[in-house]
Amino acid sequence: MKEKQSILRSLCSFGDMTELFALLDKKISEIENAIAHTNDPDSEGLFDQAEYYIGLGFVAAQRFMVEAISFSKLEKGSAFVIGARHHPSVTDVSAINAAANYWKHEVEWWQELDKLSKRSERTLEQISLVSGSDHYRLSNLLYALSERQGVRVAYLLPILRKWFDIIETKSRALE
């Protein structure tokens, strides 16, 4: 199984994700600078722009998590309940997964918010439970996950590293 673990570790490299997160954080920083220099950032769409780039970061994190699970011996459902929590009923990685799904599917929900599927409602619930907000959901979730350090997708890296280490260890134990 040593070979399988080497494949898991090499396929789930943090290098590309770290580089992408740096690019996204640079853009988020530029948007924050613009927000600081305007009287009405909301009507100028600056908060929405930040949400867009933050959402891209959550989707990249989701891809990493799915890769890790796919090359481990764990089931997806059990892998998402592993790790740290910012809310008793939601792990950090399940919140990240929900945020990525939210970003990808939110546009589909605009027409009929009162008719969301149970799965979509659960996605919104997980995000809200951790973020404590129903406004600018992705920014507030990222802020909560970062231990209120700020709004940078790079703050997801330590969460993902710790979770990956657990996944790798549990996968080895299933040998």
Protein backbone atom coordinates (compact mmCIF):
# COMPACT_ATOMS: atom_id res chain seq x y z
CA MET A 1 0.00 0.00 0.00
CA LYS A 2 3.02 2.26 0.24
CA GLU A 3 2.71 2.82 -3.50
CA LYS A 4 -0.97 3.78 -3.16
CA GLN A 5 -0.16 6.27 -0.40
CA SER A 6 2.59 7.79 -2.53
CA ILE A 7 0.08 8.18 -5.33
CA LEU A 8 -2.42 9.74 -2.91
CA ARG A 9 0.16 12.23 -1.64
CA SER A 10 1.51 13.06 -5.12
CA LEU A 11 -1.89 13.37 -6.77
CA CYS A 12 -3.16 15.60 -4.01
CA SER A 13 -0.34 18.09 -4.08
CA PHE A 14 -0.89 21.45 -2.47
CA GLY A 15 1.42 23.23 -4.91
CA ASP A 16 -1.03 24.14 -7.65
CA MET A 17 -3.77 24.98 -5.17
CA THR A 18 -1.43 27.22 -3.18
CA GLU A 19 -0.48 29.07 -6.37
CA LEU A 20 -4.13 29.47 -7.41
CA PHE A 21 -5.10 30.69 -3.94
CA ALA A 22 -2.33 33.32 -4.10
CA LEU A 23 -3.72 34.59 -7.41
CA LEU A 24 -7.26 34.68 -6.06
CA ASP A 25 -6.14 36.42 -2.87
CA LYS A 26 -4.33 39.06 -4.91
CA LYS A 27 -7.59 39.80 -6.73
CA ILE A 28 -9.56 39.79 -3.48
CA SER A 29 -7.04 42.25 -2.02
CA GLU A 30 -7.50 44.55 -5.03
CA ILE A 31 -11.26 44.42 -4.54
CA GLU A 32 -10.89 45.19 -0.83
CA ASN A 33 -8.76 48.19 -1.74
CA ALA A 34 -11.49 49.39 -4.11
CA ILE A 35 -14.08 48.85 -1.37
CA ALA A 36 -12.04 51.02 0.99
CA HIS A 37 -12.01 53.84 -1.58
CA THR A 38 -15.68 54.05 -2.46
CA ASN A 39 -18.79 55.31 -0.74
CA ASP A 40 -21.08 52.55 -1.98
CA PRO A 41 -19.26 49.28 -2.64
CA ASP A 42 -22.50 47.30 -2.67
CA SER A 43 -24.13 49.20 -5.51
CA GLU A 44 -20.83 49.15 -7.42
CA GLY A 45 -20.89 45.36 -7.22
CA LEU A 46 -17.62 45.08 -5.34
CA PHE A 47 -18.93 42.69 -2.70
CA ASP A 48 -20.34 40.47 -5.43
CA GLN A 49 -16.97 40.51 -7.21
CA ALA A 50 -15.26 39.37 -4.02
CA GLU A 51 -17.85 36.59 -3.63
CA TYR A 52 -17.04 35.42 -7.15
CA TYR A 53 -13.30 34.99 -6.50
CA ILE A 54 -13.88 33.49 -3.07
CA GLY A 55 -16.27 31.00 -4.70
CA LEU A 56 -13.57 29.98 -7.16
CA GLY A 57 -11.34 29.23 -4.18
CA PHE A 58 -13.99 27.06 -2.55
CA VAL A 59 -14.46 25.13 -5.81
CA ALA A 60 -10.70 24.53 -6.08
CA ALA A 61 -10.71 23.30 -2.46
CA GLN A 62 -13.65 21.01 -3.25
CA ARG A 63 -11.79 19.55 -6.22
CA PHE A 64 -8.81 18.83 -3.97
CA MET A 65 -11.04 17.13 -1.40
CA VAL A 66 -12.75 14.98 -4.02
CA GLU A 67 -9.35 13.96 -5.43
CA ALA A 68 -8.13 13.00 -1.97
CA ILE A 69 -11.24 10.94 -1.28
CA SER A 70 -11.13 9.31 -4.71
CA PHE A 71 -7.60 8.03 -4.18
CA SER A 72 -8.14 6.99 -0.58
CA LYS A 73 -10.00 3.98 0.78
CA LEU A 74 -12.71 6.15 2.35
CA GLU A 75 -16.29 6.77 1.31
CA LYS A 76 -17.19 10.36 0.44
CA GLY A 77 -19.84 10.58 3.17
CA SER A 78 -17.50 9.44 5.91
CA ALA A 79 -14.65 11.65 4.68
CA PHE A 80 -16.72 14.83 4.97
CA VAL A 81 -17.52 14.21 8.65
CA ILE A 82 -13.84 14.09 9.60
CA GLY A 83 -11.90 16.98 11.03
CA ALA A 84 -12.35 20.29 12.77
CA ARG A 85 -15.67 22.03 13.27
CA HIS A 86 -16.72 25.63 13.65
CA HIS A 87 -20.25 24.45 14.42
CA PRO A 88 -21.16 21.23 16.24
CA SER A 89 -23.13 19.78 13.32
CA VAL A 90 -20.90 20.94 10.43
CA THR A 91 -17.27 19.99 9.80
CA ASP A 92 -15.07 22.59 8.17
CA VAL A 93 -14.63 20.43 5.08
CA SER A 94 -18.37 19.88 4.72
CA ALA A 95 -18.82 23.67 4.95
CA ILE A 96 -16.17 24.11 2.24
CA ASN A 97 -17.95 21.51 0.11
CA ALA A 98 -21.30 23.27 0.68
CA ALA A 99 -19.75 26.64 -0.25
CA ALA A 100 -18.43 25.23 -3.53
CA ASN A 101 -21.82 23.73 -4.34
CA TYR A 102 -23.52 27.01 -3.43
CA TRP A 103 -21.22 28.98 -5.75
CA LYS A 104 -21.80 26.56 -8.61
CA HIS A 105 -25.59 26.30 -8.26
CA GLU A 106 -26.85 29.54 -6.67
CA VAL A 107 -27.86 31.02 -10.02
CA GLU A 108 -30.22 28.08 -10.59
CA TRP A 109 -32.02 28.92 -7.34
CA TRP A 110 -32.80 32.59 -8.03
CA GLN A 111 -36.09 31.93 -9.78
CA GLU A 112 -37.68 29.74 -7.12
CA LEU A 113 -36.05 30.24 -3.73
CA ASP A 114 -39.19 28.95 -2.02
CA LYS A 115 -38.93 25.65 -3.92
CA LEU A 116 -35.39 24.61 -3.15
CA SER A 117 -34.62 20.91 -2.95
CA LYS A 118 -33.77 19.42 0.44
CA ARG A 119 -30.16 19.12 -0.71
CA SER A 120 -30.01 22.82 -1.65
CA GLU A 121 -31.63 23.79 1.65
CA ARG A 122 -29.00 21.71 3.50
CA THR A 123 -26.25 23.47 1.54
CA LEU A 124 -27.54 26.87 2.63
CA GLU A 125 -28.02 25.67 6.20
CA GLN A 126 -24.45 24.37 6.51
CA ILE A 127 -23.03 27.65 5.25
CA SER A 128 -25.26 29.74 7.52
CA LEU A 129 -24.55 27.66 10.62
CA VAL A 130 -20.82 28.18 10.29
CA SER A 131 -20.81 31.75 8.94
CA GLY A 132 -23.57 33.05 11.19
CA SER A 133 -24.91 35.06 8.25
CA ASP A 134 -27.27 34.83 5.30
CA HIS A 135 -25.60 37.75 3.52
CA TYR A 136 -22.49 37.50 1.39
CA ARG A 137 -22.40 33.89 2.43
CA LEU A 138 -19.03 32.94 0.98
CA SER A 139 -17.14 35.92 2.41
CA ASN A 140 -18.68 35.39 5.84
CA LEU A 141 -18.01 31.66 5.74
CA LEU A 142 -14.39 32.18 4.77
CA TYR A 143 -14.03 34.77 7.55
CA ALA A 144 -15.45 32.28 10.08
CA LEU A 145 -13.25 29.42 8.85
CA SER A 146 -10.18 31.65 9.03
CA GLU A 147 -10.79 32.20 12.75
CA ARG A 148 -11.69 35.79 11.82
CA GLN A 149 -8.21 36.51 10.47
CA GLY A 150 -9.61 37.92 7.25
CA VAL A 151 -11.05 37.00 3.89
CA ARG A 152 -8.32 35.11 2.05
CA VAL A 153 -8.76 31.71 0.43
CA ALA A 154 -5.22 30.81 1.53
CA TYR A 155 -6.67 30.48 5.04
CA LEU A 156 -8.31 27.27 3.80
CA LEU A 157 -4.92 25.60 3.31
CA PRO A 158 -4.25 24.66 6.96
CA ILE A 159 -7.78 23.24 7.23
CA LEU A 160 -7.25 21.16 4.10
CA ARG A 161 -3.79 19.99 5.19
CA LYS A 162 -5.02 18.76 8.57
CA TRP A 163 -8.00 17.04 6.97
CA PHE A 164 -5.80 15.44 4.30
CA ASP A 165 -3.43 14.06 6.94
CA ILE A 166 -6.40 12.43 8.69
CA ILE A 167 -7.69 11.02 5.39
CA GLU A 168 -4.29 9.60 4.58
CA THR A 169 -3.92 8.01 8.02
CA LYS A 170 -7.42 6.51 7.96
CA SER A 171 -6.85 5.19 4.44
CA ARG A 172 -3.64 3.46 5.56
CA ALA A 173 -5.48 1.93 8.53
CA LEU A 174 -7.99 0.33 6.17
CA GLU A 175 -5.23 -1.75 4.61
